[in-house]
PDB file of N, CA and C in Angstrom:
ATOM      1  N   MET A   1      -1.091  -0.214  11.945  1.00  0.00           N
ATOM      2  CA  MET A   1      -0.920  -1.527  11.398  1.00  0.00           C
ATOM      3  C   MET A   1       0.237  -2.214  12.098  1.00  0.00           C
ATOM      4  N   ILE A   2       0.083  -3.462  12.380  1.00  0.00           N
ATOM      5  CA  ILE A   2       1.149  -4.223  13.016  1.00  0.00           C
ATOM      6  C   ILE A   2       1.558  -5.331  12.056  1.00  0.00           C
ATOM      7  N   ILE A   3       2.796  -5.275  11.627  1.00  0.00           N
ATOM      8  CA  ILE A   3       3.302  -6.198  10.620  1.00  0.00           C
ATOM      9  C   ILE A   3       4.621  -6.784  11.108  1.00  0.00           C
ATOM     10  N   ARG A   4       4.888  -8.020  10.807  1.00  0.00           N
ATOM     11  CA  ARG A   4       6.201  -8.609  11.054  1.00  0.00           C
ATOM     12  C   ARG A   4       6.837  -8.874   9.706  1.00  0.00           C
ATOM     13  N   MET A   5       7.978  -8.256   9.461  1.00  0.00           N
ATOM     14  CA  MET A   5       8.627  -8.403   8.170  1.00  0.00           C
ATOM     15  C   MET A   5       9.971  -9.078   8.356  1.00  0.00           C
ATOM     16  N   LEU A   6      10.280 -10.012   7.471  1.00  0.00           N
ATOM     17  CA  LEU A   6      11.553 -10.701   7.533  1.00  0.00           C
ATOM     18  C   LEU A   6      12.470 -10.319   6.375  1.00  0.00           C
ATOM     19  N   LYS A   7      11.959  -9.674   5.365  1.00  0.00           N
ATOM     20  CA  LYS A   7      12.739  -9.206   4.220  1.00  0.00           C
ATOM     21  C   LYS A   7      12.114  -7.913   3.720  1.00  0.00           C
ATOM     22  N   ILE A   8      12.660  -7.342   2.658  1.00  0.00           N
ATOM     23  CA  ILE A   8      12.084  -6.122   2.094  1.00  0.00           C
ATOM     24  C   ILE A   8      10.636  -6.375   1.725  1.00  0.00           C
ATOM     25  N   SER A   9       9.780  -5.490   2.143  1.00  0.00           N
ATOM     26  CA  SER A   9       8.349  -5.627   1.882  1.00  0.00           C
ATOM     27  C   SER A   9       7.840  -4.404   1.139  1.00  0.00           C
ATOM     28  N   VAL A  10       6.674  -4.567   0.556  1.00  0.00           N
ATOM     29  CA  VAL A  10       5.987  -3.478  -0.115  1.00  0.00           C
ATOM     30  C   VAL A  10       4.613  -3.367   0.520  1.00  0.00           C
ATOM     31  N   ILE A  11       4.313  -2.207   1.072  1.00  0.00           N
ATOM     32  CA  ILE A  11       3.004  -1.988   1.672  1.00  0.00           C
ATOM     33  C   ILE A  11       2.537  -0.602   1.266  1.00  0.00           C
ATOM     34  N   TYR A  12       1.362  -0.540   0.627  1.00  0.00           N
ATOM     35  CA  TYR A  12       0.830   0.760   0.259  1.00  0.00           C
ATOM     36  C   TYR A  12      -0.691   0.754   0.280  1.00  0.00           C
ATOM     37  N   ILE A  13      -1.239   1.964   0.300  1.00  0.00           N
ATOM     38  CA  ILE A  13      -2.681   2.172   0.350  1.00  0.00           C
ATOM     39  C   ILE A  13      -3.023   3.257  -0.661  1.00  0.00           C
ATOM     40  N   ALA A  14      -4.120   3.083  -1.377  1.00  0.00           N
ATOM     41  CA  ALA A  14      -4.591   4.111  -2.303  1.00  0.00           C
ATOM     42  C   ALA A  14      -6.105   4.216  -2.210  1.00  0.00           C
ATOM     43  N   LEU A  15      -6.610   5.424  -2.351  1.00  0.00           N
ATOM     44  CA  LEU A  15      -8.041   5.656  -2.497  1.00  0.00           C
ATOM     45  C   LEU A  15      -8.273   5.961  -3.968  1.00  0.00           C
ATOM     46  N   THR A  16      -9.268   5.323  -4.561  1.00  0.00           N
ATOM     47  CA  THR A  16      -9.486   5.454  -6.000  1.00  0.00           C
ATOM     48  C   THR A  16     -10.926   5.840  -6.323  1.00  0.00           C
ATOM     49  N   THR A  17     -11.119   6.235  -7.576  1.00  0.00           N
ATOM     50  CA  THR A  17     -12.463   6.508  -8.086  1.00  0.00           C
ATOM     51  C   THR A  17     -12.792   5.529  -9.210  1.00  0.00           C
ATOM     52  N   TRP A  18     -12.322   4.297  -9.094  1.00  0.00           N
ATOM     53  CA  TRP A  18     -12.590   3.283 -10.103  1.00  0.00           C
ATOM     54  C   TRP A  18     -14.086   3.021 -10.220  1.00  0.00           C
ATOM     55  N   ASP A  19     -14.517   2.646 -11.417  1.00  0.00           N
ATOM     56  CA  ASP A  19     -15.919   2.294 -11.642  1.00  0.00           C
ATOM     57  C   ASP A  19     -16.240   0.903 -11.125  1.00  0.00           C
ATOM     58  N   GLU A  20     -15.199   0.065 -11.050  1.00  0.00           N
ATOM     59  CA  GLU A  20     -15.378  -1.309 -10.583  1.00  0.00           C
ATOM     60  C   GLU A  20     -14.075  -1.797  -9.964  1.00  0.00           C
ATOM     61  N   GLN A  21     -14.115  -2.968  -9.368  1.00  0.00           N
ATOM     62  CA  GLN A  21     -12.933  -3.551  -8.761  1.00  0.00           C
ATOM     63  C   GLN A  21     -11.846  -3.720  -9.816  1.00  0.00           C
ATOM     64  N   PHE A  22     -10.606  -3.388  -9.458  1.00  0.00           N
ATOM     65  CA  PHE A  22      -9.479  -3.507 -10.373  1.00  0.00           C
ATOM     66  C   PHE A  22      -8.861  -4.890 -10.215  1.00  0.00           C
ATOM     67  N   VAL A  23      -8.569  -5.545 -11.328  1.00  0.00           N
ATOM     68  CA  VAL A  23      -7.947  -6.864 -11.292  1.00  0.00           C
ATOM     69  C   VAL A  23      -6.600  -6.775 -11.994  1.00  0.00           C
ATOM     70  N   ALA A  24      -5.523  -6.951 -11.235  1.00  0.00           N
ATOM     71  CA  ALA A  24      -4.174  -6.955 -11.812  1.00  0.00           C
ATOM     72  C   ALA A  24      -3.914  -8.316 -12.435  1.00  0.00           C
ATOM     73  N   SER A  25      -3.098  -8.324 -13.505  1.00  0.00           N
ATOM     74  CA  SER A  25      -2.803  -9.580 -14.186  1.00  0.00           C
ATOM     75  C   SER A  25      -1.414  -9.527 -14.804  1.00  0.00           C
ATOM     76  N   THR A  26      -0.557 -10.450 -14.399  1.00  0.00           N
ATOM     77  CA  THR A  26       0.757 -10.534 -15.033  1.00  0.00           C
ATOM     78  C   THR A  26       0.632 -11.080 -16.449  1.00  0.00           C
ATOM     79  N   ALA A  27      -0.368 -11.910 -16.701  1.00  0.00           N
ATOM     80  CA  ALA A  27      -0.551 -12.515 -18.023  1.00  0.00           C
ATOM     81  C   ALA A  27      -0.831 -11.458 -19.090  1.00  0.00           C
ATOM     82  N   THR A  28      -1.586 -10.429 -18.713  1.00  0.00           N
ATOM     83  CA  THR A  28      -1.934  -9.381 -19.677  1.00  0.00           C
ATOM     84  C   THR A  28      -1.132  -8.102 -19.464  1.00  0.00           C
ATOM     85  N   GLY A  29      -0.315  -8.075 -18.410  1.00  0.00           N
ATOM     86  CA  GLY A  29       0.449  -6.862 -18.116  1.00  0.00           C
ATOM     87  C   GLY A  29      -0.416  -5.747 -17.559  1.00  0.00           C
ATOM     88  N   THR A  30      -1.499  -6.109 -16.898  1.00  0.00           N
ATOM     89  CA  THR A  30      -2.420  -5.130 -16.330  1.00  0.00           C
ATOM     90  C   THR A  30      -2.048  -4.854 -14.884  1.00  0.00           C
ATOM     91  N   PHE A  31      -1.554  -3.635 -14.626  1.00  0.00           N
ATOM     92  CA  PHE A  31      -1.158  -3.230 -13.279  1.00  0.00           C
ATOM     93  C   PHE A  31      -1.721  -1.850 -12.988  1.00  0.00           C
ATOM     94  N   VAL A  32      -1.749  -1.470 -11.743  1.00  0.00           N
ATOM     95  CA  VAL A  32      -2.273  -0.173 -11.333  1.00  0.00           C
ATOM     96  C   VAL A  32      -1.354   0.926 -11.847  1.00  0.00           C
ATOM     97  N   ASP A  33      -1.952   1.950 -12.443  1.00  0.00           N
ATOM     98  CA  ASP A  33      -1.207   3.137 -12.882  1.00  0.00           C
ATOM     99  C   ASP A  33      -1.332   4.180 -11.780  1.00  0.00           C
ATOM    100  N   PHE A  34      -0.272   4.346 -10.998  1.00  0.00           N
ATOM    101  CA  PHE A  34      -0.337   5.257  -9.861  1.00  0.00           C
ATOM    102  C   PHE A  34      -0.290   6.722 -10.268  1.00  0.00           C
ATOM    103  N   ASN A  35      -0.084   6.996 -11.539  1.00  0.00           N
ATOM    104  CA  ASN A  35      -0.138   8.369 -12.041  1.00  0.00           C
ATOM    105  C   ASN A  35      -1.525   8.731 -12.564  1.00  0.00           C
ATOM    106  N   SER A  36      -2.431   7.765 -12.555  1.00  0.00           N
ATOM    107  CA  SER A  36      -3.786   7.967 -13.043  1.00  0.00           C
ATOM    108  C   SER A  36      -4.534   8.975 -12.172  1.00  0.00           C
ATOM    109  N   GLU A  37      -5.423   9.735 -12.815  1.00  0.00           N
ATOM    110  CA  GLU A  37      -6.274  10.672 -12.076  1.00  0.00           C
ATOM    111  C   GLU A  37      -7.288   9.934 -11.205  1.00  0.00           C
ATOM    112  N   GLU A  38      -7.439   8.633 -11.419  1.00  0.00           N
ATOM    113  CA  GLU A  38      -8.349   7.837 -10.596  1.00  0.00           C
ATOM    114  C   GLU A  38      -7.779   7.553  -9.212  1.00  0.00           C
ATOM    115  N   ILE A  39      -6.470   7.742  -9.035  1.00  0.00           N
ATOM    116  CA  ILE A  39      -5.846   7.593  -7.718  1.00  0.00           C
ATOM    117  C   ILE A  39      -5.899   8.967  -7.061  1.00  0.00           C
ATOM    118  N   ILE A  40      -6.778   9.120  -6.075  1.00  0.00           N
ATOM    119  CA  ILE A  40      -6.944  10.453  -5.480  1.00  0.00           C
ATOM    120  C   ILE A  40      -6.169  10.623  -4.175  1.00  0.00           C
ATOM    121  N   ALA A  41      -5.692   9.534  -3.600  1.00  0.00           N
ATOM    122  CA  ALA A  41      -4.841   9.604  -2.411  1.00  0.00           C
ATOM    123  C   ALA A  41      -3.967   8.360  -2.392  1.00  0.00           C
ATOM    124  N   TYR A  42      -2.732   8.534  -1.907  1.00  0.00           N
ATOM    125  CA  TYR A  42      -1.778   7.432  -1.921  1.00  0.00           C
ATOM    126  C   TYR A  42      -0.812   7.569  -0.754  1.00  0.00           C
ATOM    127  N   GLY A  43      -0.419   6.442  -0.191  1.00  0.00           N
ATOM    128  CA  GLY A  43       0.603   6.419   0.847  1.00  0.00           C
ATOM    129  C   GLY A  43       1.275   5.070   0.863  1.00  0.00           C
ATOM    130  N   SER A  44       2.557   5.044   1.232  1.00  0.00           N
ATOM    131  CA  SER A  44       3.272   3.773   1.268  1.00  0.00           C
ATOM    132  C   SER A  44       4.232   3.742   2.448  1.00  0.00           C
ATOM    133  N   LEU A  45       4.614   2.549   2.810  1.00  0.00           N
ATOM    134  CA  LEU A  45       5.628   2.357   3.836  1.00  0.00           C
ATOM    135  C   LEU A  45       6.938   2.896   3.278  1.00  0.00           C
ATOM    136  N   SER A  46       7.666   3.647   4.071  1.00  0.00           N
ATOM    137  CA  SER A  46       8.921   4.216   3.590  1.00  0.00           C
ATOM    138  C   SER A  46       9.910   3.110   3.242  1.00  0.00           C
ATOM    139  N   ALA A  47      10.831   3.420   2.330  1.00  0.00           N
ATOM    140  CA  ALA A  47      11.845   2.440   1.927  1.00  0.00           C
ATOM    141  C   ALA A  47      12.674   1.999   3.127  1.00  0.00           C
ATOM    142  N   GLU A  48      12.937   2.936   4.030  1.00  0.00           N
ATOM    143  CA  GLU A  48      13.715   2.603   5.234  1.00  0.00           C
ATOM    144  C   GLU A  48      12.987   1.579   6.091  1.00  0.00           C
ATOM    145  N   GLU A  49      11.695   1.814   6.329  1.00  0.00           N
ATOM    146  CA  GLU A  49      10.937   0.861   7.138  1.00  0.00           C
ATOM    147  C   GLU A  49      10.729  -0.459   6.402  1.00  0.00           C
ATOM    148  N   ALA A  50      10.538  -0.386   5.090  1.00  0.00           N
ATOM    149  CA  ALA A  50      10.274  -1.597   4.313  1.00  0.00           C
ATOM    150  C   ALA A  50      11.483  -2.514   4.231  1.00  0.00           C
ATOM    151  N   SER A  51      12.676  -1.966   4.403  1.00  0.00           N
ATOM    152  CA  SER A  51      13.868  -2.791   4.237  1.00  0.00           C
ATOM    153  C   SER A  51      14.460  -3.283   5.555  1.00  0.00           C
ATOM    154  N   ARG A  52      13.925  -2.832   6.674  1.00  0.00           N
ATOM    155  CA  ARG A  52      14.505  -3.289   7.936  1.00  0.00           C
ATOM    156  C   ARG A  52      13.936  -4.644   8.342  1.00  0.00           C
ATOM    157  N   VAL A  53      14.723  -5.399   9.033  1.00  0.00           N
ATOM    158  CA  VAL A  53      14.309  -6.715   9.507  1.00  0.00           C
ATOM    159  C   VAL A  53      13.683  -6.558  10.889  1.00  0.00           C
ATOM    160  N   MET A  54      12.511  -7.113  11.050  1.00  0.00           N
ATOM    161  CA  MET A  54      11.821  -7.079  12.338  1.00  0.00           C
ATOM    162  C   MET A  54      11.767  -8.499  12.877  1.00  0.00           C
ATOM    163  N   ASN A  55      12.100  -8.658  14.127  1.00  0.00           N
ATOM    164  CA  ASN A  55      12.039  -9.967  14.760  1.00  0.00           C
ATOM    165  C   ASN A  55      10.817 -10.131  15.644  1.00  0.00           C
ATOM    166  N   SER A  56      10.024  -9.070  15.721  1.00  0.00           N
ATOM    167  CA  SER A  56       8.778  -9.130  16.470  1.00  0.00           C
ATOM    168  C   SER A  56       7.794  -8.181  15.786  1.00  0.00           C
ATOM    169  N   TYR A  57       6.545  -8.214  16.219  1.00  0.00           N
ATOM    170  CA  TYR A  57       5.553  -7.325  15.635  1.00  0.00           C
ATOM    171  C   TYR A  57       5.889  -5.887  15.997  1.00  0.00           C
ATOM    172  N   ASP A  58       5.730  -5.012  15.042  1.00  0.00           N
ATOM    173  CA  ASP A  58       6.067  -3.613  15.232  1.00  0.00           C
ATOM    174  C   ASP A  58       4.998  -2.760  14.556  1.00  0.00           C
ATOM    175  N   ALA A  59       4.528  -1.751  15.239  1.00  0.00           N
ATOM    176  CA  ALA A  59       3.486  -0.881  14.689  1.00  0.00           C
ATOM    177  C   ALA A  59       4.109   0.210  13.824  1.00  0.00           C
ATOM    178  N   PHE A  60       3.364   0.647  12.807  1.00  0.00           N
ATOM    179  CA  PHE A  60       3.779   1.758  11.962  1.00  0.00           C
ATOM    180  C   PHE A  60       2.534   2.411  11.383  1.00  0.00           C
ATOM    181  N   GLU A  61       2.703   3.609  10.837  1.00  0.00           N
ATOM    182  CA  GLU A  61       1.601   4.329  10.218  1.00  0.00           C
ATOM    183  C   GLU A  61       1.958   4.688   8.789  1.00  0.00           C
ATOM    184  N   ILE A  62       0.958   4.707   7.948  1.00  0.00           N
ATOM    185  CA  ILE A  62       1.111   5.166   6.573  1.00  0.00           C
ATOM    186  C   ILE A  62       0.145   6.327   6.383  1.00  0.00           C
ATOM    187  N   ASP A  63       0.683   7.510   6.122  1.00  0.00           N
ATOM    188  CA  ASP A  63      -0.150   8.676   5.863  1.00  0.00           C
ATOM    189  C   ASP A  63      -0.500   8.733   4.389  1.00  0.00           C
ATOM    190  N   LEU A  64      -1.753   9.025   4.095  1.00  0.00           N
ATOM    191  CA  LEU A  64      -2.185   9.206   2.716  1.00  0.00           C
ATOM    192  C   LEU A  64      -1.987  10.659   2.314  1.00  0.00           C
ATOM    193  N   VAL A  65      -1.474  10.874   1.121  1.00  0.00           N
ATOM    194  CA  VAL A  65      -1.331  12.219   0.570  1.00  0.00           C
ATOM    195  C   VAL A  65      -2.389  12.357  -0.525  1.00  0.00           C
ATOM    196  N   TYR A  66      -3.260  13.354  -0.357  1.00  0.00           N
ATOM    197  CA  TYR A  66      -4.359  13.548  -1.289  1.00  0.00           C
ATOM    198  C   TYR A  66      -3.919  14.355  -2.496  1.00  0.00           C
ATOM    199  N   ARG A  67      -4.318  13.896  -3.676  1.00  0.00           N
ATOM    200  CA  ARG A  67      -4.041  14.596  -4.928  1.00  0.00           C
ATOM    201  C   ARG A  67      -5.251  15.383  -5.398  1.00  0.00           C
ATOM    202  N   ASN A  68      -6.428  14.987  -4.926  1.00  0.00           N
ATOM    203  CA  ASN A  68      -7.657  15.628  -5.340  1.00  0.00           C
ATOM    204  C   ASN A  68      -8.616  15.636  -4.159  1.00  0.00           C
ATOM    205  N   LEU A  69      -9.050  16.826  -3.766  1.00  0.00           N
ATOM    206  CA  LEU A  69      -9.948  16.950  -2.620  1.00  0.00           C
ATOM    207  C   LEU A  69     -11.413  17.056  -3.040  1.00  0.00           C
ATOM    208  N   GLU A  70     -11.653  17.112  -4.337  1.00  0.00           N
ATOM    209  CA  GLU A  70     -13.021  17.269  -4.844  1.00  0.00           C
ATOM    210  C   GLU A  70     -13.707  15.929  -5.075  1.00  0.00           C
ATOM    211  N   LYS A  71     -12.940  14.932  -5.488  1.00  0.00           N
ATOM    212  CA  LYS A  71     -13.520  13.629  -5.804  1.00  0.00           C
ATOM    213  C   LYS A  71     -13.745  12.803  -4.547  1.00  0.00           C
ATOM    214  N   ILE A  72     -14.749  11.944  -4.594  1.00  0.00           N
ATOM    215  CA  ILE A  72     -15.079  11.050  -3.489  1.00  0.00           C
ATOM    216  C   ILE A  72     -14.611   9.647  -3.869  1.00  0.00           C
ATOM    217  N   PRO A  73     -13.815   9.006  -3.022  1.00  0.00           N
ATOM    218  CA  PRO A  73     -13.309   7.669  -3.373  1.00  0.00           C
ATOM    219  C   PRO A  73     -14.421   6.631  -3.433  1.00  0.00           C
ATOM    220  N   THR A  74     -14.236   5.679  -4.333  1.00  0.00           N
ATOM    221  CA  THR A  74     -15.175   4.564  -4.457  1.00  0.00           C
ATOM    222  C   THR A  74     -14.561   3.258  -3.980  1.00  0.00           C
ATOM    223  N   HIS A  75     -13.213   3.176  -3.991  1.00  0.00           N
ATOM    224  CA  HIS A  75     -12.512   1.957  -3.604  1.00  0.00           C
ATOM    225  C   HIS A  75     -11.274   2.305  -2.795  1.00  0.00           C
ATOM    226  N   ILE A  76     -10.883   1.377  -1.945  1.00  0.00           N
ATOM    227  CA  ILE A  76      -9.615   1.490  -1.236  1.00  0.00           C
ATOM    228  C   ILE A  76      -8.774   0.282  -1.638  1.00  0.00           C
ATOM    229  N   LEU A  77      -7.527   0.559  -1.969  1.00  0.00           N
ATOM    230  CA  LEU A  77      -6.583  -0.484  -2.370  1.00  0.00           C
ATOM    231  C   LEU A  77      -5.548  -0.613  -1.267  1.00  0.00           C
ATOM    232  N   VAL A  78      -5.426  -1.793  -0.694  1.00  0.00           N
ATOM    233  CA  VAL A  78      -4.421  -2.064   0.328  1.00  0.00           C
ATOM    234  C   VAL A  78      -3.585  -3.231  -0.171  1.00  0.00           C
ATOM    235  N   VAL A  79      -2.280  -3.013  -0.313  1.00  0.00           N
ATOM    236  CA  VAL A  79      -1.383  -4.054  -0.806  1.00  0.00           C
ATOM    237  C   VAL A  79      -0.291  -4.282   0.221  1.00  0.00           C
ATOM    238  N   ALA A  80      -0.079  -5.521   0.577  1.00  0.00           N
ATOM    239  CA  ALA A  80       1.005  -5.919   1.468  1.00  0.00           C
ATOM    240  C   ALA A  80       1.687  -7.122   0.834  1.00  0.00           C
ATOM    241  N   SER A  81       2.942  -6.947   0.469  1.00  0.00           N
ATOM    242  CA  SER A  81       3.697  -7.992  -0.211  1.00  0.00           C
ATOM    243  C   SER A  81       4.938  -8.321   0.603  1.00  0.00           C
ATOM    244  N   ALA A  82       5.292  -9.582   0.652  1.00  0.00           N
ATOM    245  CA  ALA A  82       6.419 -10.020   1.477  1.00  0.00           C
ATOM    246  C   ALA A  82       7.770  -9.665   0.885  1.00  0.00           C
ATOM    247  N   SER A  83       7.821  -9.331  -0.408  1.00  0.00           N
ATOM    248  CA  SER A  83       9.121  -9.011  -1.002  1.00  0.00           C
ATOM    249  C   SER A  83       8.971  -7.902  -2.044  1.00  0.00           C
ATOM    250  N   LYS A  84      10.074  -7.258  -2.334  1.00  0.00           N
ATOM    251  CA  LYS A  84      10.076  -6.202  -3.332  1.00  0.00           C
ATOM    252  C   LYS A  84       9.582  -6.781  -4.650  1.00  0.00           C
ATOM    253  N   TYR A  85       8.701  -6.074  -5.303  1.00  0.00           N
ATOM    254  CA  TYR A  85       8.038  -6.468  -6.546  1.00  0.00           C
ATOM    255  C   TYR A  85       7.060  -7.618  -6.364  1.00  0.00           C
ATOM    256  N   GLY A  86       6.808  -8.006  -5.153  1.00  0.00           N
ATOM    257  CA  GLY A  86       5.786  -9.022  -4.902  1.00  0.00           C
ATOM    258  C   GLY A  86       4.411  -8.519  -5.297  1.00  0.00           C
ATOM    259  N   ASP A  87       4.214  -7.181  -5.262  1.00  0.00           N
ATOM    260  CA  ASP A  87       2.937  -6.617  -5.685  1.00  0.00           C
ATOM    261  C   ASP A  87       2.746  -6.748  -7.195  1.00  0.00           C
ATOM    262  N   TYR A  88       3.815  -7.115  -7.911  1.00  0.00           N
ATOM    263  CA  TYR A  88       3.731  -7.418  -9.343  1.00  0.00           C
ATOM    264  C   TYR A  88       3.817  -8.925  -9.584  1.00  0.00           C
ATOM    265  N   PHE A  89       3.643  -9.696  -8.510  1.00  0.00           N
ATOM    266  CA  PHE A  89       3.642 -11.159  -8.560  1.00  0.00           C
ATOM    267  C   PHE A  89       4.984 -11.734  -9.015  1.00  0.00           C
ATOM    268  N   THR A  90       6.079 -11.017  -8.722  1.00  0.00           N
ATOM    269  CA  THR A  90       7.410 -11.513  -9.084  1.00  0.00           C
ATOM    270  C   THR A  90       8.335 -11.471  -7.874  1.00  0.00           C
ATOM    271  N   GLY A  91       7.806 -11.630  -6.694  1.00  0.00           N
ATOM    272  CA  GLY A  91       8.609 -11.559  -5.473  1.00  0.00           C
ATOM    273  C   GLY A  91       9.565 -12.724  -5.326  1.00  0.00           C
ATOM    274  N   GLY A  92      10.437 -12.621  -4.349  1.00  0.00           N
ATOM    275  CA  GLY A  92      11.440 -13.654  -4.124  1.00  0.00           C
ATOM    276  C   GLY A  92      10.913 -14.825  -3.328  1.00  0.00           C
ATOM    277  N   ASN A  93      11.439 -15.998  -3.608  1.00  0.00           N
ATOM    278  CA  ASN A  93      11.086 -17.192  -2.846  1.00  0.00           C
ATOM    279  C   ASN A  93      11.626 -17.064  -1.429  1.00  0.00           C
ATOM    280  N   GLY A  94      10.901 -17.588  -0.482  1.00  0.00           N
ATOM    281  CA  GLY A  94      11.346 -17.595   0.899  1.00  0.00           C
ATOM    282  C   GLY A  94      11.015 -16.345   1.684  1.00  0.00           C
ATOM    283  N   SER A  95      10.376 -15.368   1.062  1.00  0.00           N
ATOM    284  CA  SER A  95       9.982 -14.159   1.772  1.00  0.00           C
ATOM    285  C   SER A  95       8.756 -14.453   2.621  1.00  0.00           C
ATOM    286  N   THR A  96       8.731 -13.896   3.817  1.00  0.00           N
ATOM    287  CA  THR A  96       7.622 -14.139   4.732  1.00  0.00           C
ATOM    288  C   THR A  96       7.104 -12.821   5.279  1.00  0.00           C
ATOM    289  N   LEU A  97       5.814 -12.667   5.308  1.00  0.00           N
ATOM    290  CA  LEU A  97       5.172 -11.479   5.856  1.00  0.00           C
ATOM    291  C   LEU A  97       4.016 -11.939   6.724  1.00  0.00           C
ATOM    292  N   TYR A  98       4.057 -11.586   7.985  1.00  0.00           N
ATOM    293  CA  TYR A  98       2.961 -11.893   8.899  1.00  0.00           C
ATOM    294  C   TYR A  98       2.198 -10.609   9.161  1.00  0.00           C
ATOM    295  N   ILE A  99       0.914 -10.646   8.944  1.00  0.00           N
ATOM    296  CA  ILE A  99       0.066  -9.482   9.211  1.00  0.00           C
ATOM    297  C   ILE A  99      -0.815  -9.825  10.398  1.00  0.00           C
ATOM    298  N   ASP A 100      -0.660  -9.074  11.456  1.00  0.00           N
ATOM    299  CA  ASP A 100      -1.442  -9.326  12.656  1.00  0.00           C
ATOM    300  C   ASP A 100      -2.782  -8.603  12.574  1.00  0.00           C
ATOM    301  N   GLU A 101      -2.747  -7.323  12.225  1.00  0.00           N
ATOM    302  CA  GLU A 101      -3.998  -6.584  12.105  1.00  0.00           C
ATOM    303  C   GLU A 101      -3.778  -5.294  11.322  1.00  0.00           C
ATOM    304  N   PHE A 102      -4.803  -4.902  10.609  1.00  0.00           N
ATOM    305  CA  PHE A 102      -4.829  -3.609   9.934  1.00  0.00           C
ATOM    306  C   PHE A 102      -5.844  -2.745  10.654  1.00  0.00           C
ATOM    307  N   GLU A 103      -5.562  -1.477  10.731  1.00  0.00           N
ATOM    308  CA  GLU A 103      -6.496  -0.539  11.333  1.00  0.00           C
ATOM    309  C   GLU A 103      -6.492   0.725  10.506  1.00  0.00           C
ATOM    310  N   LEU A 104      -7.658   1.169  10.075  1.00  0.00           N
ATOM    311  CA  LEU A 104      -7.772   2.428   9.360  1.00  0.00           C
ATOM    312  C   LEU A 104      -8.124   3.508  10.369  1.00  0.00           C
ATOM    313  N   ASP A 105      -7.267   4.500  10.468  1.00  0.00           N
ATOM    314  CA  ASP A 105      -7.431   5.577  11.432  1.00  0.00           C
ATOM    315  C   ASP A 105      -7.668   6.859  10.653  1.00  0.00           C
ATOM    316  N   PHE A 106      -8.697   7.584  10.982  1.00  0.00           N
ATOM    317  CA  PHE A 106      -9.078   8.748  10.204  1.00  0.00           C
ATOM    318  C   PHE A 106      -8.771  10.060  10.906  1.00  0.00           C
ATOM    319  N   ASP A 107      -7.688  10.129  11.661  1.00  0.00           N
ATOM    320  CA  ASP A 107      -7.280  11.371  12.293  1.00  0.00           C
ATOM    321  C   ASP A 107      -6.818  12.359  11.239  1.00  0.00           C
ATOM    322  N   TYR A 108      -7.072  13.622  11.455  1.00  0.00           N
ATOM    323  CA  TYR A 108      -6.673  14.669  10.512  1.00  0.00           C
ATOM    324  C   TYR A 108      -5.167  14.897  10.574  1.00  0.00           C
ATOM    325  N   ASN A 109      -4.538  14.950   9.407  1.00  0.00           N
ATOM    326  CA  ASN A 109      -3.114  15.230   9.294  1.00  0.00           C
ATOM    327  C   ASN A 109      -2.959  16.280   8.198  1.00  0.00           C
ATOM    328  N   ALA A 110      -2.614  17.503   8.566  1.00  0.00           N
ATOM    329  CA  ALA A 110      -2.516  18.609   7.608  1.00  0.00           C
ATOM    330  C   ALA A 110      -1.557  18.310   6.475  1.00  0.00           C
ATOM    331  N   ALA A 111      -0.500  17.553   6.737  1.00  0.00           N
ATOM    332  CA  ALA A 111       0.507  17.236   5.716  1.00  0.00           C
ATOM    333  C   ALA A 111      -0.081  16.389   4.584  1.00  0.00           C
ATOM    334  N   SER A 112      -1.186  15.710   4.837  1.00  0.00           N
ATOM    335  CA  SER A 112      -1.819  14.883   3.816  1.00  0.00           C
ATOM    336  C   SER A 112      -2.478  15.701   2.714  1.00  0.00           C
ATOM    337  N   PHE A 113      -2.688  16.983   2.973  1.00  0.00           N
ATOM    338  CA  PHE A 113      -3.442  17.815   2.035  1.00  0.00           C
ATOM    339  C   PHE A 113      -2.584  18.887   1.373  1.00  0.00           C
ATOM    340  N   GLU A 114      -1.272  18.734   1.394  1.00  0.00           N
ATOM    341  CA  GLU A 114      -0.380  19.718   0.774  1.00  0.00           C
ATOM    342  C   GLU A 114      -0.004  19.306  -0.619  1.00  0.00           C
TER     343      GLU A 114
END
């Protein structure tokens, strides 16, 4: 993934076994429960990478860590927010996030299955 970040950002990916598309809502307090058994794999940009200022596009990788190898995912959740807590729709004004391209790479990584 190639992202240009100007402030602290939140970027994460999850594979889920949801029955339908999940809709987050600040009005009802409906947010993703990352401790749910429906989240079978999860990965996020490290805090160190998320907080550094980039003045040009920079590539990075997010490894997914699997919690369950028996279930088959039905949905993929990709969240990219320009500011901390922006994924909860409460981010800071003036935050900017440019996304050039996302790429899903399926290379085997043994650390993802520990």
